[in-house]
Structures are given as structure tokens and as C-alpha cells.
Amino acid sequence: MNIEDELLDIVAKEALVDRELLKPDATLESLSIESADYLMVLMAIEEKYGVYISVDEQLAEAKTVRDLLNMITANIEAGKASGAKVS
């Protein structure tokens, strides 16, 4: 399983969204993913990958599933590059 699939599984589970609806061009608003959902998703990702992802304007600017995945993946890659524990 690749990292994108793992992330989509986490988003589906934590945001209580049907995994099949998480298409790259789907808007987060249309999926009813709210700020509390973001926190649950980020906490699960931080726990799994051992990286900190801040709730900042980068997250607020994510409008689609693709935007969200790109932002999270970039943070995970930055965490790996800085030597953070990634499992």
C-alpha cells in the first residue's frame, strides 16, 4: 500500500467519510469534512508517521482531497528529511 492510500484510509476513518468518495477533485466542503475532523485526521497521521503537522493557513487553504494529500505528504517528507521517526 502506498502512502496516498494509507492517508486516504486515515481520512476516511477519522473524518467518517466513505473511502469511495475521497476522489482527488472532491472538495472537502462537499464531503462535510470540518475543522474537528481535520484535528482527528492530523492526530492519527502524527501518531502513525511520527511527524508534527501544524494547523495553519496551509491546511486552511486545502480545498480538495488532492490539496489535503499534497499538504500532508509534504509535511511527512519534511519530517523524514529532518530525521523524525516515521514508521
Protein backbone atom coordinates (compact mmCIF):
# COMPACT_ATOMS: atom_id res chain seq x y z
CA MET A 1 0.00 0.00 0.00
CA ASN A 2 1.38 3.41 -0.91
CA ILE A 3 1.36 6.45 1.33
CA GLU A 4 -1.54 8.09 -0.53
CA ASP A 5 -3.75 5.04 0.05
CA GLU A 6 -2.74 4.96 3.72
CA LEU A 7 -3.60 8.65 4.06
CA LEU A 8 -6.96 8.20 2.34
CA ASP A 9 -7.75 5.33 4.70
CA ILE A 10 -6.93 7.56 7.68
CA VAL A 11 -9.04 10.44 6.34
CA ALA A 12 -11.98 8.10 5.71
CA LYS A 13 -11.77 6.56 9.17
CA GLU A 14 -11.17 9.72 11.19
CA ALA A 15 -13.47 12.07 9.24
CA LEU A 16 -16.17 9.40 8.93
CA VAL A 17 -16.29 9.68 5.14
CA ASP A 18 -16.92 6.78 2.75
CA ARG A 19 -13.50 5.90 1.30
CA GLU A 20 -15.00 5.68 -2.20
CA LEU A 21 -15.98 9.37 -2.03
CA LEU A 22 -12.38 10.51 -1.45
CA LYS A 23 -11.59 11.33 -5.07
CA PRO A 24 -8.73 13.78 -5.77
CA ASP A 25 -11.01 16.52 -7.11
CA ALA A 26 -13.69 16.15 -4.41
CA THR A 27 -13.96 19.28 -2.30
CA LEU A 28 -13.57 18.91 1.43
CA GLU A 29 -16.69 21.02 1.86
CA SER A 30 -18.77 18.65 -0.28
CA LEU A 31 -17.58 15.77 1.91
CA SER A 32 -18.61 17.69 5.06
CA ILE A 33 -15.08 17.49 6.49
CA GLU A 34 -15.00 20.09 9.25
CA SER A 35 -12.30 21.55 11.49
CA ALA A 36 -12.83 18.94 14.24
CA ASP A 37 -12.37 16.25 11.58
CA TYR A 38 -9.08 17.84 10.49
CA LEU A 39 -7.79 17.61 14.04
CA MET A 40 -8.67 13.92 14.29
CA VAL A 41 -7.07 13.22 10.91
CA LEU A 42 -3.89 15.13 11.79
CA MET A 43 -3.57 13.44 15.17
CA ALA A 44 -3.89 10.00 13.56
CA ILE A 45 -1.30 10.90 10.91
CA GLU A 46 1.07 12.32 13.52
CA GLU A 47 0.75 9.12 15.54
CA LYS A 48 1.29 6.82 12.54
CA TYR A 49 4.16 8.73 10.92
CA GLY A 50 5.77 10.39 13.94
CA VAL A 51 5.65 13.87 12.41
CA TYR A 52 4.01 17.07 13.59
CA ILE A 53 1.63 18.77 11.20
CA SER A 54 0.58 22.24 12.30
CA VAL A 55 -2.90 23.58 11.88
CA ASP A 56 -2.02 26.66 9.89
CA GLU A 57 -3.02 28.57 6.80
CA GLN A 58 -1.57 25.81 4.62
CA LEU A 59 -4.23 23.47 6.00
CA ALA A 60 -6.91 26.15 5.76
CA GLU A 61 -6.08 26.64 2.07
CA ALA A 62 -6.71 22.96 1.25
CA LYS A 63 -9.96 22.86 -0.72
CA THR A 64 -9.85 19.41 -2.33
CA VAL A 65 -8.79 15.93 -1.31
CA ARG A 66 -5.73 16.36 -3.57
CA ASP A 67 -4.78 19.63 -1.80
CA LEU A 68 -5.06 17.91 1.58
CA LEU A 69 -2.99 14.92 0.48
CA ASN A 70 -0.31 17.13 -1.06
CA MET A 71 -0.02 19.19 2.13
CA ILE A 72 0.14 16.14 4.39
CA THR A 73 2.60 14.29 2.16
CA ALA A 74 4.88 17.35 2.02
CA ASN A 75 4.86 17.53 5.82
CA ILE A 76 5.64 13.81 6.14
CA GLU A 77 8.50 14.12 3.64
CA ALA A 78 9.86 17.16 5.52
CA GLY A 79 9.66 15.16 8.72
CA LYS A 80 11.62 12.31 7.15
CA ALA A 81 14.24 14.73 5.87
CA SER A 82 14.67 16.25 9.32
CA GLY A 83 15.17 12.82 10.85
CA ALA A 84 11.77 12.46 12.53
CA LYS A 85 10.75 8.89 13.28
CA VAL A 86 8.48 7.64 10.51
CA SER A 87 7.03 4.16 10.79
